Amino acid sequence: LDSGVVRWRFGFDDAAGYGYGRGVIVGDQVFWPTREELFAIDSASGAMRRRVRLHESLGLNGGNLCAAGERLLIAGPDHLTAFELLDTAD
């Protein structure tokens, strides 16, 4: 933060890979939503730790994220979904 140097970027060049809602930082991870997926990203390196296909596996869209205790909440256009936060370093 002090230098303003960009250390990493995460995303895709196509519109389907753009962010959809607000991400959230939890511990050493950044959770980033797109329209159809949710990504857990290592905050130090920018490496993807986990990819959850929200639409394909659960029929959900992304949305604004919020951490609440041991849960990750997704406030989508027509749903509020809670996920248990798991260690995604595996």
Protein backbone atom coordinates (compact mmCIF):
# COMPACT_ATOMS: atom_id res chain seq x y z
CA LEU A 1 0.00 0.00 0.00
CA ASP A 2 2.81 2.40 0.78
CA SER A 3 4.38 2.23 -2.68
CA GLY A 4 1.25 1.90 -4.83
CA VAL A 5 2.92 -0.94 -6.78
CA VAL A 6 0.47 -3.49 -8.20
CA ARG A 7 1.63 -6.92 -6.96
CA TRP A 8 -0.97 -9.05 -8.73
CA ARG A 9 -4.21 -8.94 -10.69
CA PHE A 10 -6.95 -11.50 -10.95
CA GLY A 11 -9.66 -11.74 -13.56
CA PHE A 12 -10.47 -12.63 -17.10
CA ASP A 13 -10.57 -10.66 -20.32
CA ASP A 14 -14.11 -11.70 -21.31
CA ALA A 15 -17.19 -10.03 -19.87
CA ALA A 16 -18.34 -13.27 -18.19
CA GLY A 17 -15.20 -13.16 -16.03
CA TYR A 18 -15.68 -9.63 -14.75
CA GLY A 19 -16.51 -9.11 -11.10
CA TYR A 20 -20.16 -9.18 -10.12
CA GLY A 21 -20.68 -7.56 -6.74
CA ARG A 22 -18.22 -6.63 -4.03
CA GLY A 23 -15.48 -8.96 -2.91
CA VAL A 24 -14.27 -9.38 0.66
CA ILE A 25 -10.96 -10.04 2.40
CA VAL A 26 -11.04 -12.74 5.07
CA GLY A 27 -7.73 -13.52 6.77
CA ASP A 28 -5.19 -14.25 4.04
CA GLN A 29 -7.79 -14.72 1.28
CA VAL A 30 -9.69 -12.49 -1.10
CA PHE A 31 -13.12 -13.81 -2.08
CA TRP A 32 -14.14 -12.48 -5.47
CA PRO A 33 -17.54 -13.05 -7.15
CA THR A 34 -18.33 -13.13 -10.84
CA ARG A 35 -21.78 -13.60 -12.31
CA GLU A 36 -21.48 -17.40 -12.26
CA GLU A 37 -18.51 -18.23 -10.01
CA LEU A 38 -16.84 -17.48 -6.69
CA PHE A 39 -13.06 -17.42 -6.32
CA ALA A 40 -10.87 -17.70 -3.23
CA ILE A 41 -7.54 -16.00 -3.97
CA ASP A 42 -4.36 -15.93 -1.89
CA SER A 43 -3.95 -12.30 -0.86
CA ALA A 44 -0.14 -12.41 -0.88
CA SER A 45 0.46 -14.08 -4.25
CA GLY A 46 -2.78 -13.66 -6.21
CA ALA A 47 -2.92 -17.43 -6.79
CA MET A 48 -6.36 -18.99 -7.05
CA ARG A 49 -7.00 -21.33 -4.11
CA ARG A 50 -10.51 -22.40 -4.95
CA ARG A 51 -13.13 -21.93 -7.67
CA VAL A 52 -16.81 -22.53 -6.93
CA ARG A 53 -19.10 -22.75 -9.95
CA LEU A 54 -22.13 -21.13 -8.32
CA HIS A 55 -24.46 -21.18 -11.30
CA GLU A 56 -23.48 -24.59 -12.65
CA SER A 57 -23.58 -26.45 -9.32
CA LEU A 58 -26.15 -24.47 -7.29
CA GLY A 59 -28.15 -22.41 -9.78
CA LEU A 60 -27.00 -19.17 -8.10
CA ASN A 61 -25.47 -15.92 -9.29
CA GLY A 62 -22.71 -13.99 -7.58
CA GLY A 63 -23.35 -10.78 -5.71
CA ASN A 64 -22.02 -8.66 -2.86
CA LEU A 65 -19.99 -10.67 -0.34
CA CYS A 66 -19.82 -10.25 3.41
CA ALA A 67 -18.04 -12.31 6.06
CA ALA A 68 -20.12 -13.00 9.17
CA GLY A 69 -18.44 -15.15 11.79
CA GLU A 70 -17.67 -18.50 10.18
CA ARG A 71 -19.92 -17.77 7.18
CA LEU A 72 -19.51 -16.10 3.82
CA LEU A 73 -22.72 -14.41 2.70
CA ILE A 74 -23.61 -13.72 -0.92
CA ALA A 75 -26.32 -11.12 -1.46
CA GLY A 76 -27.42 -11.75 -5.04
CA PRO A 77 -30.17 -10.10 -7.08
CA ASP A 78 -32.79 -12.55 -5.80
CA HIS A 79 -31.12 -14.55 -3.01
CA LEU A 80 -29.10 -14.41 0.19
CA THR A 81 -26.85 -17.45 0.54
CA ALA A 82 -24.55 -18.46 3.42
CA PHE A 83 -21.52 -20.70 2.96
CA GLU A 84 -19.33 -22.14 5.67
CA LEU A 85 -15.84 -20.69 5.44
CA LEU A 86 -13.38 -23.53 4.90
CA ASP A 87 -9.62 -23.61 4.82
CA THR A 88 -8.97 -23.38 1.08
CA ALA A 89 -5.21 -23.82 1.23
CA ASP A 90 -5.52 -27.50 0.19
